[in-house]
PDB file of all heavy atoms in Angstrom:
ATOM      1  N   SER A   1      31.069 -32.751  12.229  1.00  0.00           N
ATOM      2  CA  SER A   1      30.334 -32.595  13.481  1.00  0.00           C
ATOM      3  C   SER A   1      28.874 -32.141  13.222  1.00  0.00           C
ATOM      4  O   SER A   1      27.931 -32.548  13.954  1.00  0.00           O
ATOM      5  CB  SER A   1      31.028 -31.554  14.383  1.00  0.00           C
ATOM      6  OG  SER A   1      32.346 -31.994  14.744  1.00  0.00           O
ATOM      7  N   ILE A   2      28.701 -31.303  12.219  1.00  0.00           N
ATOM      8  CA  ILE A   2      27.362 -30.868  11.825  1.00  0.00           C
ATOM      9  C   ILE A   2      26.491 -32.096  11.433  1.00  0.00           C
ATOM     10  O   ILE A   2      25.327 -32.210  11.913  1.00  0.00           O
ATOM     11  CB  ILE A   2      27.414 -29.863  10.647  1.00  0.00           C
ATOM     12  CG1 ILE A   2      28.021 -28.505  11.150  1.00  0.00           C
ATOM     13  CG2 ILE A   2      26.029 -29.600  10.073  1.00  0.00           C
ATOM     14  CD1 ILE A   2      28.328 -27.573  10.011  1.00  0.00           C
ATOM     15  N   LEU A   3      27.053 -32.953  10.601  1.00  0.00           N
ATOM     16  CA  LEU A   3      26.315 -34.086  10.150  1.00  0.00           C
ATOM     17  C   LEU A   3      26.021 -35.069  11.314  1.00  0.00           C
ATOM     18  O   LEU A   3      24.907 -35.651  11.399  1.00  0.00           O
ATOM     19  CB  LEU A   3      27.092 -34.823   9.027  1.00  0.00           C
ATOM     20  CG  LEU A   3      27.397 -33.996   7.821  1.00  0.00           C
ATOM     21  CD1 LEU A   3      28.132 -34.811   6.757  1.00  0.00           C
ATOM     22  CD2 LEU A   3      26.125 -33.405   7.182  1.00  0.00           C
ATOM     23  N   GLU A   4      26.964 -35.267  12.192  1.00  0.00           N
ATOM     24  CA  GLU A   4      26.766 -36.108  13.364  1.00  0.00           C
ATOM     25  C   GLU A   4      25.612 -35.609  14.222  1.00  0.00           C
ATOM     26  O   GLU A   4      24.762 -36.374  14.653  1.00  0.00           O
ATOM     27  CB  GLU A   4      28.016 -36.184  14.199  1.00  0.00           C
ATOM     28  CG  GLU A   4      29.167 -36.981  13.553  1.00  0.00           C
ATOM     29  CD  GLU A   4      30.441 -36.922  14.391  1.00  0.00           C
ATOM     30  OE1 GLU A   4      30.488 -36.122  15.367  1.00  0.00           O
ATOM     31  OE2 GLU A   4      31.413 -37.649  14.069  1.00  0.00           O
ATOM     32  N   ALA A   5      25.626 -34.296  14.517  1.00  0.00           N
ATOM     33  CA  ALA A   5      24.583 -33.723  15.365  1.00  0.00           C
ATOM     34  C   ALA A   5      23.213 -33.752  14.723  1.00  0.00           C
ATOM     35  O   ALA A   5      22.195 -33.944  15.419  1.00  0.00           O
ATOM     36  CB  ALA A   5      24.973 -32.274  15.741  1.00  0.00           C
ATOM     37  N   PHE A   6      23.153 -33.581  13.418  1.00  0.00           N
ATOM     38  CA  PHE A   6      21.907 -33.560  12.679  1.00  0.00           C
ATOM     39  C   PHE A   6      21.286 -35.008  12.700  1.00  0.00           C
ATOM     40  O   PHE A   6      20.110 -35.176  12.935  1.00  0.00           O
ATOM     41  CB  PHE A   6      22.076 -33.056  11.293  1.00  0.00           C
ATOM     42  CG  PHE A   6      20.766 -33.122  10.460  1.00  0.00           C
ATOM     43  CD1 PHE A   6      19.924 -32.088  10.499  1.00  0.00           C
ATOM     44  CD2 PHE A   6      20.494 -34.211   9.639  1.00  0.00           C
ATOM     45  CE1 PHE A   6      18.706 -32.132   9.768  1.00  0.00           C
ATOM     46  CE2 PHE A   6      19.339 -34.240   8.901  1.00  0.00           C
ATOM     47  CZ  PHE A   6      18.460 -33.213   8.973  1.00  0.00           C
ATOM     48  N   ALA A   7      22.085 -35.953  12.361  1.00  0.00           N
ATOM     49  CA  ALA A   7      21.589 -37.288  12.155  1.00  0.00           C
ATOM     50  C   ALA A   7      21.510 -38.205  13.383  1.00  0.00           C
ATOM     51  O   ALA A   7      20.601 -39.000  13.507  1.00  0.00           O
ATOM     52  CB  ALA A   7      22.467 -37.989  11.083  1.00  0.00           C
ATOM     53  N   GLY A   8      22.416 -38.004  14.337  1.00  0.00           N
ATOM     54  CA  GLY A   8      22.509 -38.931  15.466  1.00  0.00           C
ATOM     55  C   GLY A   8      23.207 -40.191  15.097  1.00  0.00           C
ATOM     56  O   GLY A   8      23.725 -40.336  13.972  1.00  0.00           O
ATOM     57  N   PRO A   9      23.271 -41.173  16.002  1.00  0.00           N
ATOM     58  CA  PRO A   9      23.929 -42.452  15.706  1.00  0.00           C
ATOM     59  C   PRO A   9      23.355 -43.149  14.466  1.00  0.00           C
ATOM     60  O   PRO A   9      22.165 -43.121  14.262  1.00  0.00           O
ATOM     61  CB  PRO A   9      23.655 -43.271  16.988  1.00  0.00           C
ATOM     62  CG  PRO A   9      23.373 -42.280  18.048  1.00  0.00           C
ATOM     63  CD  PRO A   9      22.715 -41.143  17.343  1.00  0.00           C
ATOM     64  N   PRO A  10      24.220 -43.777  13.681  1.00  0.00           N
ATOM     65  CA  PRO A  10      23.774 -44.325  12.380  1.00  0.00           C
ATOM     66  C   PRO A  10      22.728 -45.495  12.550  1.00  0.00           C
ATOM     67  O   PRO A  10      21.960 -45.739  11.569  1.00  0.00           O
ATOM     68  CB  PRO A  10      25.072 -44.820  11.723  1.00  0.00           C
ATOM     69  CG  PRO A  10      26.042 -44.958  12.836  1.00  0.00           C
ATOM     70  CD  PRO A  10      25.701 -43.957  13.865  1.00  0.00           C
ATOM     71  N   ASP A  11      22.768 -46.161  13.661  1.00  0.00           N
ATOM     72  CA  ASP A  11      21.868 -47.295  13.825  1.00  0.00           C
ATOM     73  C   ASP A  11      20.486 -46.940  14.353  1.00  0.00           C
ATOM     74  O   ASP A  11      19.508 -47.734  14.232  1.00  0.00           O
ATOM     75  CB  ASP A  11      22.472 -48.375  14.693  1.00  0.00           C
ATOM     76  CG  ASP A  11      22.822 -47.841  16.076  1.00  0.00           C
ATOM     77  OD1 ASP A  11      23.014 -46.607  16.242  1.00  0.00           O
ATOM     78  OD2 ASP A  11      22.955 -48.665  17.028  1.00  0.00           O
ATOM     79  N   CYS A  12      20.337 -45.756  14.929  1.00  0.00           N
ATOM     80  CA  CYS A  12      19.063 -45.406  15.526  1.00  0.00           C
ATOM     81  C   CYS A  12      18.726 -43.962  15.433  1.00  0.00           C
ATOM     82  O   CYS A  12      17.548 -43.576  15.648  1.00  0.00           O
ATOM     83  CB  CYS A  12      19.116 -45.750  17.064  1.00  0.00           C
ATOM     84  SG  CYS A  12      20.337 -44.917  18.030  1.00  0.00           S
ATOM     85  N   GLY A  13      19.636 -43.069  15.117  1.00  0.00           N
ATOM     86  CA  GLY A  13      19.340 -41.677  14.976  1.00  0.00           C
ATOM     87  C   GLY A  13      19.165 -41.018  16.407  1.00  0.00           C
ATOM     88  O   GLY A  13      19.484 -41.587  17.395  1.00  0.00           O
ATOM     89  N   GLU A  14      18.668 -39.756  16.337  1.00  0.00           N
ATOM     90  CA  GLU A  14      18.407 -39.053  17.615  1.00  0.00           C
ATOM     91  C   GLU A  14      17.163 -38.155  17.389  1.00  0.00           C
ATOM     92  O   GLU A  14      17.078 -37.422  16.382  1.00  0.00           O
ATOM     93  CB  GLU A  14      19.590 -38.243  18.031  1.00  0.00           C
ATOM     94  CG  GLU A  14      19.411 -37.535  19.340  1.00  0.00           C
ATOM     95  CD  GLU A  14      20.734 -36.950  19.861  1.00  0.00           C
ATOM     96  OE1 GLU A  14      21.789 -37.370  19.437  1.00  0.00           O
ATOM     97  OE2 GLU A  14      20.627 -36.037  20.760  1.00  0.00           O
ATOM     98  N   TYR A  15      16.225 -38.231  18.349  1.00  0.00           N
ATOM     99  CA  TYR A  15      14.978 -37.564  18.181  1.00  0.00           C
ATOM    100  C   TYR A  15      15.164 -36.036  18.226  1.00  0.00           C
ATOM    101  O   TYR A  15      15.890 -35.484  19.078  1.00  0.00           O
ATOM    102  CB  TYR A  15      13.962 -37.952  19.234  1.00  0.00           C
ATOM    103  CG  TYR A  15      12.595 -37.342  19.098  1.00  0.00           C
ATOM    104  CD1 TYR A  15      11.761 -37.772  18.056  1.00  0.00           C
ATOM    105  CD2 TYR A  15      12.159 -36.328  19.918  1.00  0.00           C
ATOM    106  CE1 TYR A  15      10.491 -37.209  17.884  1.00  0.00           C
ATOM    107  CE2 TYR A  15      10.955 -35.732  19.711  1.00  0.00           C
ATOM    108  CZ  TYR A  15      10.102 -36.179  18.711  1.00  0.00           C
ATOM    109  OH  TYR A  15       8.871 -35.621  18.522  1.00  0.00           O
ATOM    110  N   SER A  16      14.474 -35.324  17.306  1.00  0.00           N
ATOM    111  CA  SER A  16      14.509 -33.861  17.333  1.00  0.00           C
ATOM    112  C   SER A  16      13.098 -33.376  17.615  1.00  0.00           C
ATOM    113  O   SER A  16      12.169 -33.610  16.822  1.00  0.00           O
ATOM    114  CB  SER A  16      14.931 -33.325  15.959  1.00  0.00           C
ATOM    115  OG  SER A  16      14.664 -31.958  15.826  1.00  0.00           O
ATOM    116  N   PRO A  17      12.890 -32.637  18.759  1.00  0.00           N
ATOM    117  CA  PRO A  17      11.529 -32.111  19.047  1.00  0.00           C
ATOM    118  C   PRO A  17      11.195 -30.857  18.303  1.00  0.00           C
ATOM    119  O   PRO A  17      10.078 -30.391  18.356  1.00  0.00           O
ATOM    120  CB  PRO A  17      11.629 -31.860  20.543  1.00  0.00           C
ATOM    121  CG  PRO A  17      13.091 -31.552  20.780  1.00  0.00           C
ATOM    122  CD  PRO A  17      13.872 -32.400  19.832  1.00  0.00           C
ATOM    123  N   SER A  18      12.181 -30.249  17.594  1.00  0.00           N
ATOM    124  CA  SER A  18      11.940 -29.010  16.841  1.00  0.00           C
ATOM    125  C   SER A  18      13.166 -28.712  15.990  1.00  0.00           C
ATOM    126  O   SER A  18      14.281 -29.192  16.261  1.00  0.00           O
ATOM    127  CB  SER A  18      11.668 -27.827  17.762  1.00  0.00           C
ATOM    128  OG  SER A  18      12.815 -27.472  18.532  1.00  0.00           O
ATOM    129  N   TYR A  19      12.980 -27.864  14.981  1.00  0.00           N
ATOM    130  CA  TYR A  19      14.085 -27.360  14.213  1.00  0.00           C
ATOM    131  C   TYR A  19      15.040 -26.527  15.092  1.00  0.00           C
ATOM    132  O   TYR A  19      16.231 -26.572  14.957  1.00  0.00           O
ATOM    133  CB  TYR A  19      13.605 -26.516  13.052  1.00  0.00           C
ATOM    134  CG  TYR A  19      13.146 -27.286  11.825  1.00  0.00           C
ATOM    135  CD1 TYR A  19      11.838 -27.879  11.825  1.00  0.00           C
ATOM    136  CD2 TYR A  19      13.985 -27.471  10.750  1.00  0.00           C
ATOM    137  CE1 TYR A  19      11.447 -28.602  10.665  1.00  0.00           C
ATOM    138  CE2 TYR A  19      13.593 -28.192   9.641  1.00  0.00           C
ATOM    139  CZ  TYR A  19      12.309 -28.734   9.604  1.00  0.00           C
ATOM    140  OH  TYR A  19      11.915 -29.479   8.524  1.00  0.00           O
ATOM    141  N   GLN A  20      14.455 -25.789  16.033  1.00  0.00           N
ATOM    142  CA  GLN A  20      15.254 -24.956  16.935  1.00  0.00           C
ATOM    143  C   GLN A  20      16.219 -25.816  17.762  1.00  0.00           C
ATOM    144  O   GLN A  20      17.390 -25.461  17.930  1.00  0.00           O
ATOM    145  CB  GLN A  20      14.316 -24.122  17.869  1.00  0.00           C
ATOM    146  CG  GLN A  20      13.599 -23.031  17.166  1.00  0.00           C
ATOM    147  CD  GLN A  20      12.262 -23.521  16.601  1.00  0.00           C
ATOM    148  OE1 GLN A  20      12.015 -24.668  16.365  1.00  0.00           O
ATOM    149  NE2 GLN A  20      11.332 -22.557  16.449  1.00  0.00           N
ATOM    150  N   LYS A  21      15.693 -26.956  18.244  1.00  0.00           N
ATOM    151  CA  LYS A  21      16.539 -27.828  19.067  1.00  0.00           C
ATOM    152  C   LYS A  21      17.667 -28.430  18.222  1.00  0.00           C
ATOM    153  O   LYS A  21      18.819 -28.583  18.667  1.00  0.00           O
ATOM    154  CB  LYS A  21      15.719 -28.948  19.684  1.00  0.00           C
ATOM    155  CG  LYS A  21      16.513 -29.952  20.495  1.00  0.00           C
ATOM    156  CD  LYS A  21      17.253 -29.271  21.655  1.00  0.00           C
ATOM    157  CE  LYS A  21      17.999 -30.313  22.478  1.00  0.00           C
ATOM    158  NZ  LYS A  21      18.873 -29.684  23.505  1.00  0.00           N
ATOM    159  N   THR A  22      17.360 -28.750  16.969  1.00  0.00           N
ATOM    160  CA  THR A  22      18.347 -29.307  16.069  1.00  0.00           C
ATOM    161  C   THR A  22      19.451 -28.288  15.833  1.00  0.00           C
ATOM    162  O   THR A  22      20.661 -28.628  15.815  1.00  0.00           O
ATOM    163  CB  THR A  22      17.742 -29.697  14.713  1.00  0.00           C
ATOM    164  OG1 THR A  22      16.801 -30.767  15.003  1.00  0.00           O
ATOM    165  CG2 THR A  22      18.773 -30.173  13.746  1.00  0.00           C
ATOM    166  N   VAL A  23      19.096 -27.022  15.614  1.00  0.00           N
ATOM    167  CA  VAL A  23      20.089 -25.935  15.431  1.00  0.00           C
ATOM    168  C   VAL A  23      20.989 -25.839  16.635  1.00  0.00           C
ATOM    169  O   VAL A  23      22.267 -25.813  16.514  1.00  0.00           O
ATOM    170  CB  VAL A  23      19.347 -24.597  15.157  1.00  0.00           C
ATOM    171  CG1 VAL A  23      20.384 -23.417  15.302  1.00  0.00           C
ATOM    172  CG2 VAL A  23      18.737 -24.598  13.773  1.00  0.00           C
ATOM    173  N   ASN A  24      20.454 -25.846  17.835  1.00  0.00           N
ATOM    174  CA  ASN A  24      21.235 -25.775  19.049  1.00  0.00           C
ATOM    175  C   ASN A  24      22.158 -26.991  19.210  1.00  0.00           C
ATOM    176  O   ASN A  24      23.285 -26.848  19.673  1.00  0.00           O
ATOM    177  CB  ASN A  24      20.318 -25.540  20.253  1.00  0.00           C
ATOM    178  CG  ASN A  24      21.116 -25.489  21.550  1.00  0.00           C
ATOM    179  OD1 ASN A  24      21.175 -26.457  22.332  1.00  0.00           O
ATOM    180  ND2 ASN A  24      21.698 -24.321  21.813  1.00  0.00           N
ATOM    181  N   SER A  25      21.617 -28.164  18.922  1.00  0.00           N
ATOM    182  CA  SER A  25      22.424 -29.388  19.051  1.00  0.00           C
ATOM    183  C   SER A  25      23.625 -29.337  18.124  1.00  0.00           C
ATOM    184  O   SER A  25      24.728 -29.792  18.504  1.00  0.00           O
ATOM    185  CB  SER A  25      21.561 -30.604  18.704  1.00  0.00           C
ATOM    186  OG  SER A  25      20.495 -30.762  19.634  1.00  0.00           O
ATOM    187  N   ILE A  26      23.449 -28.803  16.916  1.00  0.00           N
ATOM    188  CA  ILE A  26      24.545 -28.680  15.987  1.00  0.00           C
ATOM    189  C   ILE A  26      25.590 -27.734  16.563  1.00  0.00           C
ATOM    190  O   ILE A  26      26.820 -28.037  16.588  1.00  0.00           O
ATOM    191  CB  ILE A  26      24.040 -28.188  14.642  1.00  0.00           C
ATOM    192  CG1 ILE A  26      23.249 -29.247  13.899  1.00  0.00           C
ATOM    193  CG2 ILE A  26      25.242 -27.682  13.734  1.00  0.00           C
ATOM    194  CD1 ILE A  26      22.574 -28.786  12.664  1.00  0.00           C
ATOM    195  N   GLN A  27      25.190 -26.614  17.112  1.00  0.00           N
ATOM    196  CA  GLN A  27      26.121 -25.639  17.632  1.00  0.00           C
ATOM    197  C   GLN A  27      26.872 -26.205  18.830  1.00  0.00           C
ATOM    198  O   GLN A  27      28.093 -26.078  18.946  1.00  0.00           O
ATOM    199  CB  GLN A  27      25.371 -24.383  18.010  1.00  0.00           C
ATOM    200  CG  GLN A  27      24.780 -23.591  16.849  1.00  0.00           C
ATOM    201  CD  GLN A  27      23.902 -22.474  17.342  1.00  0.00           C
ATOM    202  OE1 GLN A  27      23.003 -22.672  18.095  1.00  0.00           O
ATOM    203  NE2 GLN A  27      24.140 -21.298  16.752  1.00  0.00           N
ATOM    204  N   MET A  28      26.170 -26.828  19.741  1.00  0.00           N
ATOM    205  CA  MET A  28      26.801 -27.376  20.969  1.00  0.00           C
ATOM    206  C   MET A  28      27.788 -28.486  20.575  1.00  0.00           C
ATOM    207  O   MET A  28      28.892 -28.579  21.159  1.00  0.00           O
ATOM    208  CB  MET A  28      25.731 -27.930  21.881  1.00  0.00           C
ATOM    209  CG  MET A  28      24.813 -26.886  22.486  1.00  0.00           C
ATOM    210  SD  MET A  28      25.644 -25.784  23.661  1.00  0.00           S
ATOM    211  CE  MET A  28      25.973 -26.901  25.011  1.00  0.00           C
ATOM    212  N   HIS A  29      27.454 -29.273  19.619  1.00  0.00           N
ATOM    213  CA  HIS A  29      28.353 -30.385  19.205  1.00  0.00           C
ATOM    214  C   HIS A  29      29.609 -29.795  18.575  1.00  0.00           C
ATOM    215  O   HIS A  29      30.697 -30.306  18.880  1.00  0.00           O
ATOM    216  CB  HIS A  29      27.608 -31.269  18.191  1.00  0.00           C
ATOM    217  CG  HIS A  29      28.250 -32.577  18.016  1.00  0.00           C
ATOM    218  ND1 HIS A  29      28.520 -33.503  19.008  1.00  0.00           N
ATOM    219  CD2 HIS A  29      28.792 -33.197  16.875  1.00  0.00           C
ATOM    220  CE1 HIS A  29      29.144 -34.572  18.563  1.00  0.00           C
ATOM    221  NE2 HIS A  29      29.296 -34.423  17.248  1.00  0.00           N
ATOM    222  N   VAL A  30      29.469 -28.809  17.726  1.00  0.00           N
ATOM    223  CA  VAL A  30      30.676 -28.206  17.092  1.00  0.00           C
ATOM    224  C   VAL A  30      31.552 -27.609  18.178  1.00  0.00           C
ATOM    225  O   VAL A  30      32.815 -27.780  18.153  1.00  0.00           O
ATOM    226  CB  VAL A  30      30.249 -27.165  16.032  1.00  0.00           C
ATOM    227  CG1 VAL A  30      31.486 -26.365  15.571  1.00  0.00           C
ATOM    228  CG2 VAL A  30      29.596 -27.834  14.855  1.00  0.00           C
ATOM    229  N   LEU A  31      30.998 -26.834  19.065  1.00  0.00           N
ATOM    230  CA  LEU A  31      31.809 -26.172  20.103  1.00  0.00           C
ATOM    231  C   LEU A  31      32.493 -27.221  21.053  1.00  0.00           C
ATOM    232  O   LEU A  31      33.581 -26.954  21.498  1.00  0.00           O
ATOM    233  CB  LEU A  31      30.919 -25.273  20.972  1.00  0.00           C
ATOM    234  CG  LEU A  31      30.455 -23.972  20.275  1.00  0.00           C
ATOM    235  CD1 LEU A  31      29.431 -23.258  21.149  1.00  0.00           C
ATOM    236  CD2 LEU A  31      31.581 -23.068  19.968  1.00  0.00           C
ATOM    237  N   SER A  32      31.851 -28.358  21.243  1.00  0.00           N
ATOM    238  CA  SER A  32      32.468 -29.366  22.082  1.00  0.00           C
ATOM    239  C   SER A  32      33.609 -30.122  21.366  1.00  0.00           C
ATOM    240  O   SER A  32      34.514 -30.627  22.000  1.00  0.00           O
ATOM    241  CB  SER A  32      31.402 -30.357  22.576  1.00  0.00           C
ATOM    242  OG  SER A  32      30.932 -31.161  21.500  1.00  0.00           O
ATOM    243  N   LYS A  33      33.484 -30.192  20.014  1.00  0.00           N
ATOM    244  CA  LYS A  33      34.439 -30.994  19.274  1.00  0.00           C
ATOM    245  C   LYS A  33      35.626 -30.157  18.714  1.00  0.00           C
ATOM    246  O   LYS A  33      36.690 -30.682  18.436  1.00  0.00           O
ATOM    247  CB  LYS A  33      33.720 -31.644  18.071  1.00  0.00           C
ATOM    248  CG  LYS A  33      32.748 -32.789  18.441  1.00  0.00           C
ATOM    249  CD  LYS A  33      33.483 -34.012  18.840  1.00  0.00           C
ATOM    250  CE  LYS A  33      32.540 -35.182  19.045  1.00  0.00           C
ATOM    251  NZ  LYS A  33      33.264 -36.440  19.321  1.00  0.00           N
ATOM    252  N   VAL A  34      35.399 -28.859  18.512  1.00  0.00           N
ATOM    253  CA  VAL A  34      36.404 -28.035  17.829  1.00  0.00           C
ATOM    254  C   VAL A  34      36.696 -26.853  18.711  1.00  0.00           C
ATOM    255  O   VAL A  34      36.015 -25.785  18.647  1.00  0.00           O
ATOM    256  CB  VAL A  34      35.854 -27.566  16.442  1.00  0.00           C
ATOM    257  CG1 VAL A  34      37.003 -26.924  15.638  1.00  0.00           C
ATOM    258  CG2 VAL A  34      35.312 -28.780  15.665  1.00  0.00           C
ATOM    259  N   PRO A  35      37.773 -26.851  19.465  1.00  0.00           N
ATOM    260  CA  PRO A  35      38.060 -25.780  20.428  1.00  0.00           C
ATOM    261  C   PRO A  35      38.465 -24.490  19.737  1.00  0.00           C
ATOM    262  O   PRO A  35      38.424 -23.416  20.326  1.00  0.00           O
ATOM    263  CB  PRO A  35      39.236 -26.342  21.230  1.00  0.00           C
ATOM    264  CG  PRO A  35      39.866 -27.423  20.376  1.00  0.00           C
ATOM    265  CD  PRO A  35      38.713 -28.019  19.626  1.00  0.00           C
ATOM    266  N   GLN A  36      38.832 -24.539  18.458  1.00  0.00           N
ATOM    267  CA  GLN A  36      39.259 -23.281  17.739  1.00  0.00           C
ATOM    268  C   GLN A  36      38.072 -22.400  17.440  1.00  0.00           C
ATOM    269  O   GLN A  36      38.271 -21.223  17.249  1.00  0.00           O
ATOM    270  CB  GLN A  36      39.981 -23.649  16.440  1.00  0.00           C
ATOM    271  CG  GLN A  36      41.283 -24.402  16.626  1.00  0.00           C
ATOM    272  CD  GLN A  36      41.115 -25.928  16.644  1.00  0.00           C
ATOM    273  OE1 GLN A  36      40.015 -26.402  16.837  1.00  0.00           O
ATOM    274  NE2 GLN A  36      42.199 -26.634  16.465  1.00  0.00           N
ATOM    275  N   VAL A  37      36.882 -22.972  17.427  1.00  0.00           N
ATOM    276  CA  VAL A  37      35.698 -22.157  17.137  1.00  0.00           C
ATOM    277  C   VAL A  37      35.239 -21.394  18.339  1.00  0.00           C
ATOM    278  O   VAL A  37      35.071 -21.993  19.468  1.00  0.00           O
ATOM    279  CB  VAL A  37      34.532 -23.078  16.606  1.00  0.00           C
ATOM    280  CG1 VAL A  37      33.231 -22.262  16.480  1.00  0.00           C
ATOM    281  CG2 VAL A  37      34.920 -23.730  15.306  1.00  0.00           C
ATOM    282  N   GLN A  38      35.068 -20.075  18.230  1.00  0.00           N
ATOM    283  CA  GLN A  38      34.658 -19.264  19.326  1.00  0.00           C
ATOM    284  C   GLN A  38      33.159 -18.896  19.293  1.00  0.00           C
ATOM    285  O   GLN A  38      32.468 -18.878  20.278  1.00  0.00           O
ATOM    286  CB  GLN A  38      35.474 -17.972  19.344  1.00  0.00           C
ATOM    287  CG  GLN A  38      36.972 -18.182  19.512  1.00  0.00           C
ATOM    288  CD  GLN A  38      37.316 -18.956  20.767  1.00  0.00           C
ATOM    289  OE1 GLN A  38      36.828 -18.637  21.828  1.00  0.00           O
ATOM    290  NE2 GLN A  38      38.160 -19.970  20.659  1.00  0.00           N
ATOM    291  N   VAL A  39      32.679 -18.594  18.104  1.00  0.00           N
ATOM    292  CA  VAL A  39      31.240 -18.265  17.905  1.00  0.00           C
ATOM    293  C   VAL A  39      30.779 -18.953  16.672  1.00  0.00           C
ATOM    294  O   VAL A  39      31.486 -19.014  15.661  1.00  0.00           O
ATOM    295  CB  VAL A  39      31.038 -16.722  17.732  1.00  0.00           C
ATOM    296  CG1 VAL A  39      29.620 -16.386  17.500  1.00  0.00           C
ATOM    297  CG2 VAL A  39      31.563 -15.995  18.972  1.00  0.00           C
ATOM    298  N   ILE A  40      29.539 -19.509  16.709  1.00  0.00           N
ATOM    299  CA  ILE A  40      28.981 -20.188  15.563  1.00  0.00           C
ATOM    300  C   ILE A  40      27.573 -19.752  15.315  1.00  0.00           C
ATOM    301  O   ILE A  40      26.760 -19.701  16.288  1.00  0.00           O
ATOM    302  CB  ILE A  40      29.073 -21.731  15.766  1.00  0.00           C
ATOM    303  CG1 ILE A  40      28.498 -22.459  14.537  1.00  0.00           C
ATOM    304  CG2 ILE A  40      28.434 -22.188  17.067  1.00  0.00           C
ATOM    305  CD1 ILE A  40      28.753 -23.938  14.544  1.00  0.00           C
ATOM    306  N   GLU A  41      27.258 -19.390  14.115  1.00  0.00           N
ATOM    307  CA  GLU A  41      25.919 -19.034  13.659  1.00  0.00           C
ATOM    308  C   GLU A  41      25.374 -20.108  12.767  1.00  0.00           C
ATOM    309  O   GLU A  41      26.047 -20.559  11.871  1.00  0.00           O
ATOM    310  CB  GLU A  41      25.968 -17.693  12.892  1.00  0.00           C
ATOM    311  CG  GLU A  41      24.655 -17.300  12.278  1.00  0.00           C
ATOM    312  CD  GLU A  41      24.795 -16.164  11.278  1.00  0.00           C
ATOM    313  OE1 GLU A  41      25.971 -15.662  11.053  1.00  0.00           O
ATOM    314  OE2 GLU A  41      23.725 -15.721  10.713  1.00  0.00           O
ATOM    315  N   VAL A  42      24.121 -20.536  13.014  1.00  0.00           N
ATOM    316  CA  VAL A  42      23.490 -21.542  12.221  1.00  0.00           C
ATOM    317  C   VAL A  42      22.107 -21.023  11.788  1.00  0.00           C
ATOM    318  O   VAL A  42      21.374 -20.528  12.624  1.00  0.00           O
ATOM    319  CB  VAL A  42      23.353 -22.857  12.924  1.00  0.00           C
ATOM    320  CG1 VAL A  42      22.525 -23.897  12.116  1.00  0.00           C
ATOM    321  CG2 VAL A  42      24.713 -23.471  13.221  1.00  0.00           C
ATOM    322  N   VAL A  43      21.808 -21.126  10.517  1.00  0.00           N
ATOM    323  CA  VAL A  43      20.490 -20.825  10.005  1.00  0.00           C
ATOM    324  C   VAL A  43      19.982 -22.079   9.251  1.00  0.00           C
ATOM    325  O   VAL A  43      20.704 -22.669   8.446  1.00  0.00           O
ATOM    326  CB  VAL A  43      20.560 -19.648   8.993  1.00  0.00           C
ATOM    327  CG1 VAL A  43      19.064 -19.378   8.472  1.00  0.00           C
ATOM    328  CG2 VAL A  43      21.057 -18.416   9.660  1.00  0.00           C
ATOM    329  N   LEU A  44      18.784 -22.527   9.603  1.00  0.00           N
ATOM    330  CA  LEU A  44      18.200 -23.695   8.989  1.00  0.00           C
ATOM    331  C   LEU A  44      16.868 -23.283   8.332  1.00  0.00           C
ATOM    332  O   LEU A  44      15.894 -23.034   9.061  1.00  0.00           O
ATOM    333  CB  LEU A  44      18.039 -24.788   9.994  1.00  0.00           C
ATOM    334  CG  LEU A  44      17.556 -26.187   9.467  1.00  0.00           C
ATOM    335  CD1 LEU A  44      18.560 -26.741   8.495  1.00  0.00           C
ATOM    336  CD2 LEU A  44      17.343 -27.168  10.592  1.00  0.00           C
ATOM    337  N   ASN A  45      16.884 -23.281   7.039  1.00  0.00           N
ATOM    338  CA  ASN A  45      15.635 -22.959   6.257  1.00  0.00           C
ATOM    339  C   ASN A  45      14.883 -24.240   6.017  1.00  0.00           C
ATOM    340  O   ASN A  45      15.441 -25.172   5.411  1.00  0.00           O
ATOM    341  CB  ASN A  45      15.933 -22.231   4.960  1.00  0.00           C
ATOM    342  CG  ASN A  45      16.555 -20.880   5.188  1.00  0.00           C
ATOM    343  OD1 ASN A  45      16.203 -20.162   6.120  1.00  0.00           O
ATOM    344  ND2 ASN A  45      17.511 -20.516   4.369  1.00  0.00           N
ATOM    345  N   ASN A  46      13.622 -24.347   6.442  1.00  0.00           N
ATOM    346  CA  ASN A  46      12.916 -25.594   6.513  1.00  0.00           C
ATOM    347  C   ASN A  46      12.210 -25.900   5.192  1.00  0.00           C
ATOM    348  O   ASN A  46      11.664 -25.006   4.562  1.00  0.00           O
ATOM    349  CB  ASN A  46      11.877 -25.585   7.636  1.00  0.00           C
ATOM    350  CG  ASN A  46      12.459 -24.993   8.920  1.00  0.00           C
ATOM    351  OD1 ASN A  46      13.652 -25.047   9.132  1.00  0.00           O
ATOM    352  ND2 ASN A  46      11.570 -24.520   9.789  1.00  0.00           N
ATOM    353  N   THR A  47      12.185 -27.165   4.806  1.00  0.00           N
ATOM    354  CA  THR A  47      11.329 -27.678   3.789  1.00  0.00           C
ATOM    355  C   THR A  47      10.324 -28.670   4.400  1.00  0.00           C
ATOM    356  O   THR A  47      10.761 -29.652   5.013  1.00  0.00           O
ATOM    357  CB  THR A  47      12.133 -28.350   2.697  1.00  0.00           C
ATOM    358  OG1 THR A  47      13.061 -27.433   2.096  1.00  0.00           O
ATOM    359  CG2 THR A  47      11.238 -28.905   1.577  1.00  0.00           C
TER     360      THR A  47
END
């Protein structure tokens, strides 16, 4: 789910307006796909 949210669809991807938005998209995607997860922390160190 993390990889799906980061990359988007394989044929076109998905636009990211910021690293912050990408972090949130990853969290929302995991929470929607995996009901066992209650709280998720994500840190993205940029290069």
